[in-house]
């Protein structure tokens, strides 16, 4: 009986160690995507960036059609072009990381050139801060590079939005 108990205890300990090793291996593989250190913060950033990028394209299209000022129409056209490119790059990264991005088109209403440009200044200021934060503090190198590259474009957009905004006053 004593010998059986010892053998049984050894088997239980062995299976427990094996089970623990399998659990640790699974935990490591789920938190590392293709050798990276992809985090929930990175995923959250990607979701926000996708929503924002989709909104920029949708509002840019409306500005191209409904703006009174040629400069606002031109700004809208640039938003469509630049944010469409960024959205495609983000979709590519998301596919590599197995992240499903939101795809719902926003339904923003057009009120005026001035309201649009005011929104664009506020939005690009907020976006610039978020993209810089991800570029500097994100976990995944692919997402960080996307954030850094896109932050440079967002800075250009912010400068142009402020310039266009001033001309409307």
N, C-alpha and C. Protein backbone atom coordinates (compact mmCIF):
# COMPACT_ATOMS: atom_id res chain seq x y z
N UNK A 1 0.81 -1.18 0.00
CA UNK A 1 0.00 0.00 0.00
C UNK A 1 0.86 1.25 0.00
N UNK A 2 1.91 1.29 0.78
CA UNK A 2 2.81 2.43 0.87
C UNK A 2 3.52 2.65 -0.46
N UNK A 3 3.93 1.55 -1.08
CA UNK A 3 4.61 1.66 -2.36
C UNK A 3 3.65 2.16 -3.45
N UNK A 4 2.40 1.67 -3.44
CA UNK A 4 1.40 2.12 -4.40
C UNK A 4 1.11 3.62 -4.24
N UNK A 5 1.03 4.07 -3.02
CA UNK A 5 0.77 5.48 -2.74
C UNK A 5 1.89 6.34 -3.27
N UNK A 6 3.12 5.90 -3.09
CA UNK A 6 4.27 6.65 -3.56
C UNK A 6 4.27 6.72 -5.10
N UNK A 7 4.01 5.58 -5.75
CA UNK A 7 3.96 5.57 -7.22
C UNK A 7 2.83 6.46 -7.72
N UNK A 8 1.68 6.40 -7.07
CA UNK A 8 0.55 7.23 -7.45
C UNK A 8 0.88 8.71 -7.29
N UNK A 9 1.56 9.06 -6.21
CA UNK A 9 1.94 10.46 -5.99
C UNK A 9 2.93 10.94 -7.05
N UNK A 10 3.87 10.07 -7.40
CA UNK A 10 4.84 10.42 -8.44
C UNK A 10 4.12 10.65 -9.77
N UNK A 11 3.16 9.79 -10.10
CA UNK A 11 2.41 9.95 -11.35
C UNK A 11 1.62 11.26 -11.34
N UNK A 12 0.97 11.56 -10.23
CA UNK A 12 0.18 12.79 -10.13
C UNK A 12 1.07 14.01 -10.29
N UNK A 13 2.22 14.01 -9.62
CA UNK A 13 3.15 15.13 -9.72
C UNK A 13 3.67 15.26 -11.15
N UNK A 14 3.99 14.15 -11.79
CA UNK A 14 4.50 14.17 -13.17
C UNK A 14 3.46 14.74 -14.13
N UNK A 15 2.22 14.26 -14.00
CA UNK A 15 1.16 14.78 -14.87
C UNK A 15 0.88 16.25 -14.60
N UNK A 16 0.98 16.65 -13.37
CA UNK A 16 0.76 18.06 -13.02
C UNK A 16 1.84 18.94 -13.66
N UNK A 17 3.07 18.49 -13.59
CA UNK A 17 4.17 19.25 -14.19
C UNK A 17 4.00 19.34 -15.70
N UNK A 18 3.64 18.22 -16.32
CA UNK A 18 3.42 18.22 -17.77
C UNK A 18 2.28 19.16 -18.12
N UNK A 19 1.18 19.08 -17.38
CA UNK A 19 0.03 19.95 -17.64
C UNK A 19 0.39 21.41 -17.46
N UNK A 20 1.18 21.73 -16.45
CA UNK A 20 1.60 23.11 -16.23
C UNK A 20 2.45 23.60 -17.39
N UNK A 21 3.34 22.75 -17.86
CA UNK A 21 4.20 23.13 -19.00
C UNK A 21 3.39 23.39 -20.24
N UNK A 22 2.37 22.57 -20.51
CA UNK A 22 1.51 22.79 -21.67
C UNK A 22 0.75 24.10 -21.51
N UNK A 23 0.23 24.38 -20.32
CA UNK A 23 -0.50 25.63 -20.07
C UNK A 23 0.37 26.85 -20.27
N UNK A 24 1.61 26.80 -19.80
CA UNK A 24 2.53 27.92 -19.99
C UNK A 24 2.84 28.12 -21.46
N UNK A 25 3.05 27.03 -22.18
CA UNK A 25 3.33 27.12 -23.61
C UNK A 25 2.18 27.74 -24.37
N UNK A 26 0.95 27.36 -24.01
CA UNK A 26 -0.22 27.95 -24.67
C UNK A 26 -0.34 29.42 -24.34
N UNK A 27 -0.10 29.78 -23.10
CA UNK A 27 -0.20 31.19 -22.70
C UNK A 27 0.83 32.03 -23.46
N UNK A 28 2.03 31.48 -23.61
CA UNK A 28 3.07 32.22 -24.32
C UNK A 28 2.70 32.37 -25.79
N UNK A 29 2.16 31.32 -26.42
CA UNK A 29 1.85 31.42 -27.84
C UNK A 29 0.68 32.35 -28.09
N UNK A 30 -0.27 32.47 -27.16
CA UNK A 30 -1.39 33.35 -27.40
C UNK A 30 -1.04 34.82 -27.19
N UNK A 31 -0.04 35.11 -26.40
CA UNK A 31 0.32 36.52 -26.19
C UNK A 31 1.41 36.99 -27.14
N UNK A 32 1.97 36.08 -27.89
CA UNK A 32 3.01 36.45 -28.87
C UNK A 32 2.51 36.11 -30.25
N UNK A 33 2.37 37.08 -31.08
CA UNK A 33 1.91 36.87 -32.44
C UNK A 33 3.12 36.91 -33.36
N UNK A 34 3.40 35.77 -33.97
CA UNK A 34 4.53 35.66 -34.89
C UNK A 34 5.80 36.27 -34.31
N UNK A 35 6.13 35.89 -33.06
CA UNK A 35 7.38 36.34 -32.46
C UNK A 35 7.35 37.75 -31.90
N UNK A 36 6.19 38.39 -31.88
CA UNK A 36 6.12 39.75 -31.37
C UNK A 36 5.56 39.75 -29.96
N UNK A 37 5.43 40.92 -29.41
CA UNK A 37 4.85 41.05 -28.08
C UNK A 37 3.57 41.86 -28.18
N UNK A 38 2.65 41.38 -28.98
CA UNK A 38 1.38 42.04 -29.23
C UNK A 38 0.56 42.09 -27.95
N UNK A 39 0.02 43.26 -27.63
CA UNK A 39 -0.71 43.42 -26.38
C UNK A 39 -2.14 43.89 -26.63
N UNK A 40 -2.95 43.88 -25.58
CA UNK A 40 -4.31 44.42 -25.67
C UNK A 40 -4.28 45.91 -25.97
N UNK A 41 -3.26 46.60 -25.48
CA UNK A 41 -3.12 48.04 -25.77
C UNK A 41 -2.91 48.26 -27.27
N UNK A 42 -2.08 47.42 -27.88
CA UNK A 42 -1.86 47.50 -29.33
C UNK A 42 -3.18 47.24 -30.07
N UNK A 43 -3.91 46.23 -29.64
CA UNK A 43 -5.18 45.88 -30.27
C UNK A 43 -6.18 47.03 -30.12
N UNK A 44 -6.25 47.62 -28.95
CA UNK A 44 -7.15 48.75 -28.70
C UNK A 44 -6.78 49.93 -29.60
N UNK A 45 -5.50 50.20 -29.71
CA UNK A 45 -5.03 51.27 -30.60
C UNK A 45 -5.47 51.00 -32.03
N UNK A 46 -5.31 49.77 -32.49
CA UNK A 46 -5.67 49.42 -33.86
C UNK A 46 -7.17 49.65 -34.09
N UNK A 47 -7.98 49.30 -33.11
CA UNK A 47 -9.43 49.50 -33.24
C UNK A 47 -9.76 50.98 -33.34
N UNK A 48 -9.15 51.79 -32.47
CA UNK A 48 -9.39 53.24 -32.52
C UNK A 48 -8.92 53.83 -33.85
N UNK A 49 -7.74 53.40 -34.28
CA UNK A 49 -7.19 53.91 -35.55
C UNK A 49 -8.08 53.54 -36.72
N UNK A 50 -8.63 52.33 -36.71
CA UNK A 50 -9.52 51.90 -37.79
C UNK A 50 -10.80 52.73 -37.80
N UNK A 51 -11.38 52.93 -36.64
CA UNK A 51 -12.60 53.75 -36.56
C UNK A 51 -12.33 55.18 -37.03
N UNK A 52 -11.23 55.75 -36.54
CA UNK A 52 -10.87 57.12 -36.91
C UNK A 52 -10.56 57.25 -38.39
N UNK A 53 -9.82 56.30 -38.92
CA UNK A 53 -9.48 56.33 -40.34
C UNK A 53 -10.69 56.21 -41.23
N UNK A 54 -11.62 55.36 -40.85
CA UNK A 54 -12.85 55.20 -41.61
C UNK A 54 -13.67 56.49 -41.57
N UNK A 55 -13.71 57.13 -40.40
CA UNK A 55 -14.43 58.40 -40.27
C UNK A 55 -13.78 59.47 -41.13
N UNK A 56 -12.46 59.54 -41.15
CA UNK A 56 -11.75 60.54 -41.95
C UNK A 56 -12.08 60.39 -43.44
N UNK A 57 -12.12 59.16 -43.92
CA UNK A 57 -12.44 58.91 -45.33
C UNK A 57 -13.89 59.31 -45.62
N UNK A 58 -14.80 58.88 -44.76
CA UNK A 58 -16.22 59.20 -44.98
C UNK A 58 -16.46 60.71 -44.96
N UNK A 59 -15.91 61.40 -44.00
CA UNK A 59 -16.10 62.85 -43.91
C UNK A 59 -15.36 63.57 -45.04
N UNK A 60 -14.22 63.05 -45.44
CA UNK A 60 -13.49 63.63 -46.56
C UNK A 60 -14.30 63.56 -47.84
N UNK A 61 -14.99 62.45 -48.04
CA UNK A 61 -15.85 62.30 -49.23
C UNK A 61 -16.98 63.34 -49.21
N UNK A 62 -17.57 63.52 -48.03
CA UNK A 62 -18.66 64.50 -47.90
C UNK A 62 -18.11 65.90 -48.17
N UNK A 63 -16.91 66.20 -47.63
CA UNK A 63 -16.30 67.52 -47.84
C UNK A 63 -16.03 67.76 -49.33
N UNK A 64 -15.55 66.73 -50.03
CA UNK A 64 -15.29 66.86 -51.47
C UNK A 64 -16.56 67.25 -52.23
N UNK A 65 -17.70 66.74 -51.78
CA UNK A 65 -18.96 66.97 -52.49
C UNK A 65 -19.69 68.23 -52.04
N UNK A 66 -19.66 68.52 -50.73
CA UNK A 66 -20.54 69.55 -50.20
C UNK A 66 -19.86 70.84 -49.74
N UNK A 67 -18.55 70.85 -49.68
CA UNK A 67 -17.87 72.06 -49.21
C UNK A 67 -18.09 73.22 -50.16
N UNK A 68 -18.13 74.41 -49.59
CA UNK A 68 -18.27 75.63 -50.38
C UNK A 68 -16.89 76.09 -50.87
N UNK A 69 -15.90 75.94 -50.02
CA UNK A 69 -14.54 76.39 -50.31
C UNK A 69 -13.77 75.33 -51.09
N UNK A 70 -13.05 75.77 -52.11
CA UNK A 70 -12.20 74.84 -52.86
C UNK A 70 -11.10 74.26 -51.98
N UNK A 71 -10.60 75.05 -51.02
CA UNK A 71 -9.56 74.56 -50.12
C UNK A 71 -10.08 73.45 -49.21
N UNK A 72 -11.31 73.58 -48.75
CA UNK A 72 -11.92 72.54 -47.92
C UNK A 72 -12.17 71.29 -48.76
N UNK A 73 -12.61 71.46 -50.00
CA UNK A 73 -12.78 70.32 -50.90
C UNK A 73 -11.45 69.60 -51.11
N UNK A 74 -10.40 70.37 -51.32
CA UNK A 74 -9.07 69.81 -51.52
C UNK A 74 -8.60 69.07 -50.26
N UNK A 75 -8.85 69.66 -49.10
CA UNK A 75 -8.49 69.02 -47.83
C UNK A 75 -9.24 67.68 -47.71
N UNK A 76 -10.53 67.70 -48.02
CA UNK A 76 -11.31 66.46 -47.95
C UNK A 76 -10.76 65.38 -48.87
N UNK A 77 -10.39 65.80 -50.08
CA UNK A 77 -9.81 64.85 -51.04
C UNK A 77 -8.52 64.23 -50.50
N UNK A 78 -7.70 65.05 -49.86
CA UNK A 78 -6.45 64.54 -49.28
C UNK A 78 -6.74 63.57 -48.14
N UNK A 79 -7.77 63.86 -47.33
CA UNK A 79 -8.13 62.95 -46.24
C UNK A 79 -8.53 61.59 -46.80
N UNK A 80 -9.31 61.60 -47.88
CA UNK A 80 -9.73 60.35 -48.50
C UNK A 80 -8.51 59.56 -48.98
N UNK A 81 -7.61 60.23 -49.68
CA UNK A 81 -6.43 59.56 -50.23
C UNK A 81 -5.50 59.02 -49.14
N UNK A 82 -5.08 59.91 -48.25
CA UNK A 82 -4.09 59.51 -47.23
C UNK A 82 -4.65 58.50 -46.23
N UNK A 83 -5.88 58.72 -45.79
CA UNK A 83 -6.44 57.80 -44.79
C UNK A 83 -6.85 56.46 -45.41
N UNK A 84 -7.18 56.45 -46.69
CA UNK A 84 -7.44 55.17 -47.36
C UNK A 84 -6.17 54.33 -47.39
N UNK A 85 -5.04 54.97 -47.69
CA UNK A 85 -3.75 54.25 -47.71
C UNK A 85 -3.42 53.73 -46.31
N UNK A 86 -3.59 54.57 -45.29
CA UNK A 86 -3.29 54.16 -43.92
C UNK A 86 -4.23 53.03 -43.49
N UNK A 87 -5.49 53.13 -43.88
CA UNK A 87 -6.46 52.08 -43.52
C UNK A 87 -6.06 50.74 -44.13
N UNK A 88 -5.59 50.76 -45.37
CA UNK A 88 -5.17 49.51 -46.03
C UNK A 88 -3.95 48.91 -45.32
N UNK A 89 -3.00 49.75 -44.94
CA UNK A 89 -1.82 49.27 -44.22
C UNK A 89 -2.25 48.67 -42.88
N UNK A 90 -3.15 49.35 -42.17
CA UNK A 90 -3.63 48.84 -40.88
C UNK A 90 -4.35 47.51 -41.06
N UNK A 91 -5.15 47.38 -42.10
CA UNK A 91 -5.85 46.11 -42.37
C UNK A 91 -4.85 44.99 -42.60
N UNK A 92 -3.77 45.29 -43.30
CA UNK A 92 -2.73 44.29 -43.56
C UNK A 92 -2.09 43.82 -42.25
N UNK A 93 -1.76 44.77 -41.40
CA UNK A 93 -1.16 44.42 -40.10
C UNK A 93 -2.15 43.62 -39.27
N UNK A 94 -3.41 44.05 -39.27
CA UNK A 94 -4.44 43.35 -38.50
C UNK A 94 -4.59 41.90 -38.96
N UNK A 95 -4.52 41.68 -40.26
CA UNK A 95 -4.63 40.32 -40.79
C UNK A 95 -3.46 39.46 -40.29
N UNK A 96 -2.26 40.02 -40.25
CA UNK A 96 -1.09 39.30 -39.75
C UNK A 96 -1.22 38.96 -38.26
N UNK A 97 -1.90 39.83 -37.53
CA UNK A 97 -2.02 39.68 -36.06
C UNK A 97 -3.32 38.99 -35.67
N UNK A 98 -4.11 38.59 -36.66
CA UNK A 98 -5.41 37.98 -36.41
C UNK A 98 -6.32 38.88 -35.58
N UNK A 99 -6.35 40.15 -35.94
CA UNK A 99 -7.18 41.14 -35.26
C UNK A 99 -8.29 41.56 -36.22
N UNK A 100 -9.52 41.46 -35.75
CA UNK A 100 -10.66 41.90 -36.56
C UNK A 100 -10.93 43.36 -36.25
N UNK A 101 -10.88 44.18 -37.28
CA UNK A 101 -11.09 45.62 -37.12
C UNK A 101 -12.55 45.97 -37.38
N UNK A 102 -13.03 47.01 -36.72
CA UNK A 102 -14.40 47.46 -37.01
C UNK A 102 -14.47 47.99 -38.43
N UNK A 103 -15.59 47.74 -39.09
CA UNK A 103 -15.70 48.16 -40.48
C UNK A 103 -16.94 49.00 -40.74
N UNK A 104 -17.67 49.32 -39.71
CA UNK A 104 -18.91 50.09 -39.87
C UNK A 104 -18.60 51.50 -40.35
N UNK A 105 -19.27 51.90 -41.41
CA UNK A 105 -19.11 53.26 -41.95
C UNK A 105 -19.82 54.24 -41.02
N UNK A 106 -19.15 55.32 -40.65
CA UNK A 106 -19.81 56.31 -39.81
C UNK A 106 -20.86 57.10 -40.61
N UNK A 107 -21.82 57.62 -39.92
CA UNK A 107 -22.86 58.41 -40.58
C UNK A 107 -22.81 59.83 -40.03
N UNK A 108 -21.81 60.55 -40.47
CA UNK A 108 -21.63 61.93 -40.03
C UNK A 108 -22.45 62.85 -40.92
N UNK A 109 -23.00 63.88 -40.34
CA UNK A 109 -23.79 64.85 -41.09
C UNK A 109 -22.93 66.07 -41.39
N UNK A 110 -23.12 66.63 -42.57
CA UNK A 110 -22.41 67.83 -42.98
C UNK A 110 -23.18 69.06 -42.50
N UNK A 111 -22.48 69.96 -41.80
CA UNK A 111 -23.14 71.19 -41.38
C UNK A 111 -22.55 72.41 -42.08
N UNK A 112 -21.21 72.48 -42.13
CA UNK A 112 -20.58 73.62 -42.81
C UNK A 112 -19.08 73.37 -42.96
N UNK A 113 -18.46 74.16 -43.84
CA UNK A 113 -17.01 74.09 -44.01
C UNK A 113 -16.31 74.35 -42.68
N UNK A 114 -16.77 75.40 -41.99
CA UNK A 114 -16.13 75.80 -40.74
C UNK A 114 -16.25 74.70 -39.68
N UNK A 115 -17.44 74.11 -39.55
CA UNK A 115 -17.62 73.03 -38.56
C UNK A 115 -16.73 71.83 -38.90
N UNK A 116 -16.64 71.50 -40.17
CA UNK A 116 -15.78 70.38 -40.60
C UNK A 116 -14.33 70.65 -40.26
N UNK A 117 -13.85 71.84 -40.59
CA UNK A 117 -12.44 72.14 -40.32
C UNK A 117 -12.16 72.22 -38.82
N UNK A 118 -13.08 72.74 -38.03
CA UNK A 118 -12.91 72.74 -36.58
C UNK A 118 -12.81 71.31 -36.06
N UNK A 119 -13.66 70.44 -36.58
CA UNK A 119 -13.63 69.02 -36.19
C UNK A 119 -12.30 68.39 -36.60
N UNK A 120 -11.82 68.72 -37.80
CA UNK A 120 -10.57 68.14 -38.30
C UNK A 120 -9.38 68.56 -37.44
N UNK A 121 -9.36 69.81 -36.99
CA UNK A 121 -8.26 70.26 -36.13
C UNK A 121 -8.31 69.48 -34.81
N UNK A 122 -9.47 69.45 -34.17
CA UNK A 122 -9.60 68.73 -32.89
C UNK A 122 -9.25 67.26 -33.05
N UNK A 123 -9.79 66.65 -34.09
CA UNK A 123 -9.59 65.22 -34.31
C UNK A 123 -8.12 64.90 -34.57
N UNK A 124 -7.46 65.70 -35.38
CA UNK A 124 -6.05 65.43 -35.68
C UNK A 124 -5.14 65.72 -34.48
N UNK A 125 -5.50 66.66 -33.64
CA UNK A 125 -4.72 66.88 -32.41
C UNK A 125 -4.81 65.65 -31.51
N UNK A 126 -6.02 65.13 -31.35
CA UNK A 126 -6.23 63.93 -30.52
C UNK A 126 -5.52 62.73 -31.14
N UNK A 127 -5.70 62.55 -32.44
CA UNK A 127 -5.07 61.42 -33.12
C UNK A 127 -3.55 61.47 -33.04
N UNK A 128 -3.00 62.65 -33.23
CA UNK A 128 -1.54 62.79 -33.18
C UNK A 128 -1.01 62.33 -31.83
N UNK A 129 -1.66 62.74 -30.75
CA UNK A 129 -1.23 62.32 -29.41
C UNK A 129 -1.33 60.80 -29.25
N UNK A 130 -2.41 60.20 -29.73
CA UNK A 130 -2.59 58.75 -29.61
C UNK A 130 -1.58 57.98 -30.44
N UNK A 131 -1.31 58.44 -31.65
CA UNK A 131 -0.36 57.75 -32.52
C UNK A 131 1.07 57.87 -31.97
N UNK A 132 1.41 59.04 -31.43
CA UNK A 132 2.74 59.19 -30.82
C UNK A 132 2.89 58.31 -29.59
N UNK A 133 1.81 58.22 -28.82
CA UNK A 133 1.86 57.36 -27.62
C UNK A 133 2.10 55.91 -28.00
N UNK A 134 1.40 55.44 -29.03
CA UNK A 134 1.58 54.07 -29.48
C UNK A 134 2.98 53.88 -30.07
N UNK A 135 3.45 54.84 -30.85
CA UNK A 135 4.78 54.74 -31.46
C UNK A 135 5.86 54.64 -30.39
N UNK A 136 5.68 55.36 -29.30
CA UNK A 136 6.69 55.38 -28.23
C UNK A 136 6.48 54.31 -27.17
N UNK A 137 5.24 53.88 -26.96
CA UNK A 137 4.99 52.98 -25.84
C UNK A 137 4.30 51.69 -26.20
N UNK A 138 4.08 51.44 -27.48
CA UNK A 138 3.43 50.20 -27.88
C UNK A 138 4.34 49.01 -27.69
N UNK A 139 3.77 47.82 -27.80
CA UNK A 139 4.53 46.59 -27.60
C UNK A 139 4.99 45.95 -28.90
N UNK A 140 4.14 46.00 -29.89
CA UNK A 140 4.41 45.29 -31.14
C UNK A 140 5.18 46.17 -32.12
N UNK A 141 6.30 45.70 -32.64
CA UNK A 141 7.11 46.52 -33.54
C UNK A 141 6.39 46.94 -34.83
N UNK A 142 5.54 46.07 -35.38
CA UNK A 142 4.81 46.42 -36.60
C UNK A 142 3.79 47.53 -36.34
N UNK A 143 3.08 47.42 -35.23
CA UNK A 143 2.08 48.43 -34.88
C UNK A 143 2.77 49.74 -34.52
N UNK A 144 3.88 49.65 -33.80
CA UNK A 144 4.64 50.87 -33.45
C UNK A 144 5.13 51.59 -34.71
N UNK A 145 5.63 50.83 -35.67
CA UNK A 145 6.12 51.46 -36.91
C UNK A 145 4.97 52.10 -37.67
N UNK A 146 3.83 51.42 -37.74
CA UNK A 146 2.65 51.99 -38.39
C UNK A 146 2.28 53.31 -37.70
N UNK A 147 2.25 53.30 -36.38
CA UNK A 147 1.87 54.49 -35.62
C UNK A 147 2.87 55.63 -35.86
N UNK A 148 4.15 55.31 -35.89
CA UNK A 148 5.17 56.34 -36.10
C UNK A 148 5.08 56.93 -37.51
N UNK A 149 4.97 56.06 -38.50
CA UNK A 149 4.87 56.54 -39.89
C UNK A 149 3.60 57.37 -40.09
N UNK A 150 2.51 56.91 -39.54
CA UNK A 150 1.23 57.61 -39.71
C UNK A 150 1.19 58.91 -38.93
N UNK A 151 1.86 58.96 -37.78
CA UNK A 151 1.91 60.20 -36.98
C UNK A 151 2.51 61.34 -37.79
N UNK A 152 3.48 61.02 -38.62
CA UNK A 152 4.10 62.05 -39.47
C UNK A 152 3.09 62.63 -40.46
N UNK A 153 2.25 61.78 -41.01
CA UNK A 153 1.22 62.23 -41.95
C UNK A 153 0.14 63.01 -41.20
N UNK A 154 -0.22 62.53 -40.02
CA UNK A 154 -1.23 63.22 -39.21
C UNK A 154 -0.75 64.63 -38.85
N UNK A 155 0.54 64.78 -38.58
CA UNK A 155 1.09 66.11 -38.28
C UNK A 155 0.92 67.03 -39.49
N UNK A 156 1.17 66.50 -40.68
CA UNK A 156 0.96 67.29 -41.90
C UNK A 156 -0.51 67.67 -42.05
N UNK A 157 -1.40 66.73 -41.76
CA UNK A 157 -2.84 67.00 -41.84
C UNK A 157 -3.24 68.09 -40.84
N UNK A 158 -2.71 68.00 -39.64
CA UNK A 158 -3.03 68.98 -38.60
C UNK A 158 -2.59 70.37 -39.04
N UNK A 159 -1.38 70.47 -39.55
CA UNK A 159 -0.88 71.76 -40.02
C UNK A 159 -1.76 72.32 -41.14
N UNK A 160 -2.13 71.46 -42.08
CA UNK A 160 -2.98 71.88 -43.19
C UNK A 160 -4.39 72.25 -42.70
N UNK A 161 -4.91 71.48 -41.75
CA UNK A 161 -6.24 71.77 -41.20
C UNK A 161 -6.26 73.13 -40.51
N UNK A 162 -5.22 73.43 -39.74
CA UNK A 162 -5.15 74.73 -39.06
C UNK A 162 -5.04 75.87 -40.08
N UNK A 163 -4.23 75.65 -41.10
CA UNK A 163 -4.07 76.66 -42.15
C UNK A 163 -5.39 76.91 -42.87
N UNK A 164 -6.09 75.84 -43.21
CA UNK A 164 -7.38 75.97 -43.90
C UNK A 164 -8.42 76.61 -42.98
N UNK A 165 -8.40 76.20 -41.73
CA UNK A 165 -9.33 76.75 -40.74
C UNK A 165 -9.18 78.28 -40.61
N UNK A 166 -7.94 78.74 -40.57
CA UNK A 166 -7.69 80.19 -40.45
C UNK A 166 -8.24 80.96 -41.64
N UNK A 167 -8.19 80.37 -42.80
CA UNK A 167 -8.67 81.05 -44.01
C UNK A 167 -10.20 81.17 -44.04
N UNK A 168 -10.88 80.37 -43.26
CA UNK A 168 -12.34 80.40 -43.25
C UNK A 168 -12.91 81.46 -42.32
N UNK A 169 -12.11 82.00 -41.44
CA UNK A 169 -12.62 82.93 -40.45
C UNK A 169 -12.84 84.31 -41.00
